Amino acid sequence: MALDERKAQILSAVIEEYVKTGLPVGSRAIARRYQLGVSPATIRNEMGDLEE
């Protein structure tokens, strides 16, 4: 599966947050901390796609 730029940014943010905290990472935290220009719902959908 090839990652588009947005999915790659989200995946990178999730990995970075998980490595920092060791805790599950939510879409709301990613939206607040990384200002990717998309809503938590969009991040959640993209995270769901990344799971597959």
Protein backbone atom coordinates (compact mmCIF):
# COMPACT_ATOMS: atom_id res chain seq x y z
CA MET A 1 0.00 0.00 0.00
CA ALA A 2 1.45 3.34 -1.03
CA LEU A 3 0.92 6.14 1.47
CA ASP A 4 -0.22 9.54 0.36
CA GLU A 5 1.36 12.56 2.04
CA ARG A 6 -1.42 13.06 4.60
CA LYS A 7 -1.41 9.41 5.71
CA ALA A 8 2.38 9.51 6.00
CA GLN A 9 2.21 12.65 8.18
CA ILE A 10 -0.44 11.09 10.41
CA LEU A 11 1.48 7.83 10.74
CA SER A 12 4.64 9.73 11.62
CA ALA A 13 2.79 11.78 14.25
CA VAL A 14 1.21 8.67 15.79
CA ILE A 15 4.57 6.90 15.99
CA GLU A 16 6.28 9.96 17.48
CA GLU A 17 3.59 10.41 20.14
CA TYR A 18 3.57 6.72 21.02
CA VAL A 19 7.35 6.63 21.38
CA LYS A 20 7.24 9.73 23.61
CA THR A 21 4.46 8.54 25.90
CA GLY A 22 4.08 4.78 25.52
CA LEU A 23 0.32 5.34 25.58
CA PRO A 24 -2.39 4.94 22.94
CA VAL A 25 -2.58 7.96 20.65
CA GLY A 26 -5.92 9.54 19.81
CA SER A 27 -6.91 11.54 16.78
CA ARG A 28 -7.77 14.56 18.92
CA ALA A 29 -4.26 14.68 20.39
CA ILE A 30 -2.73 14.46 16.92
CA ALA A 31 -4.98 17.26 15.63
CA ARG A 32 -4.04 19.53 18.54
CA ARG A 33 -0.31 18.89 18.66
CA TYR A 34 0.58 18.58 14.99
CA GLN A 35 -1.76 21.07 13.29
CA LEU A 36 -2.08 19.04 10.11
CA GLY A 37 -4.95 21.18 8.87
CA VAL A 38 -7.56 18.42 9.18
CA SER A 39 -10.17 17.58 11.80
CA PRO A 40 -9.85 14.80 14.38
CA ALA A 41 -12.56 12.92 12.46
CA THR A 42 -10.47 12.98 9.29
CA ILE A 43 -7.41 11.84 11.24
CA ARG A 44 -9.50 9.04 12.77
CA ASN A 45 -10.64 7.91 9.31
CA GLU A 46 -7.08 7.96 7.99
CA MET A 47 -5.87 6.03 11.05
CA GLY A 48 -8.55 3.44 10.31
CA ASP A 49 -7.30 3.15 6.73
CA LEU A 50 -3.74 2.71 8.00
CA GLU A 51 -4.88 -0.22 10.16
CA GLU A 52 -5.91 -2.20 7.09
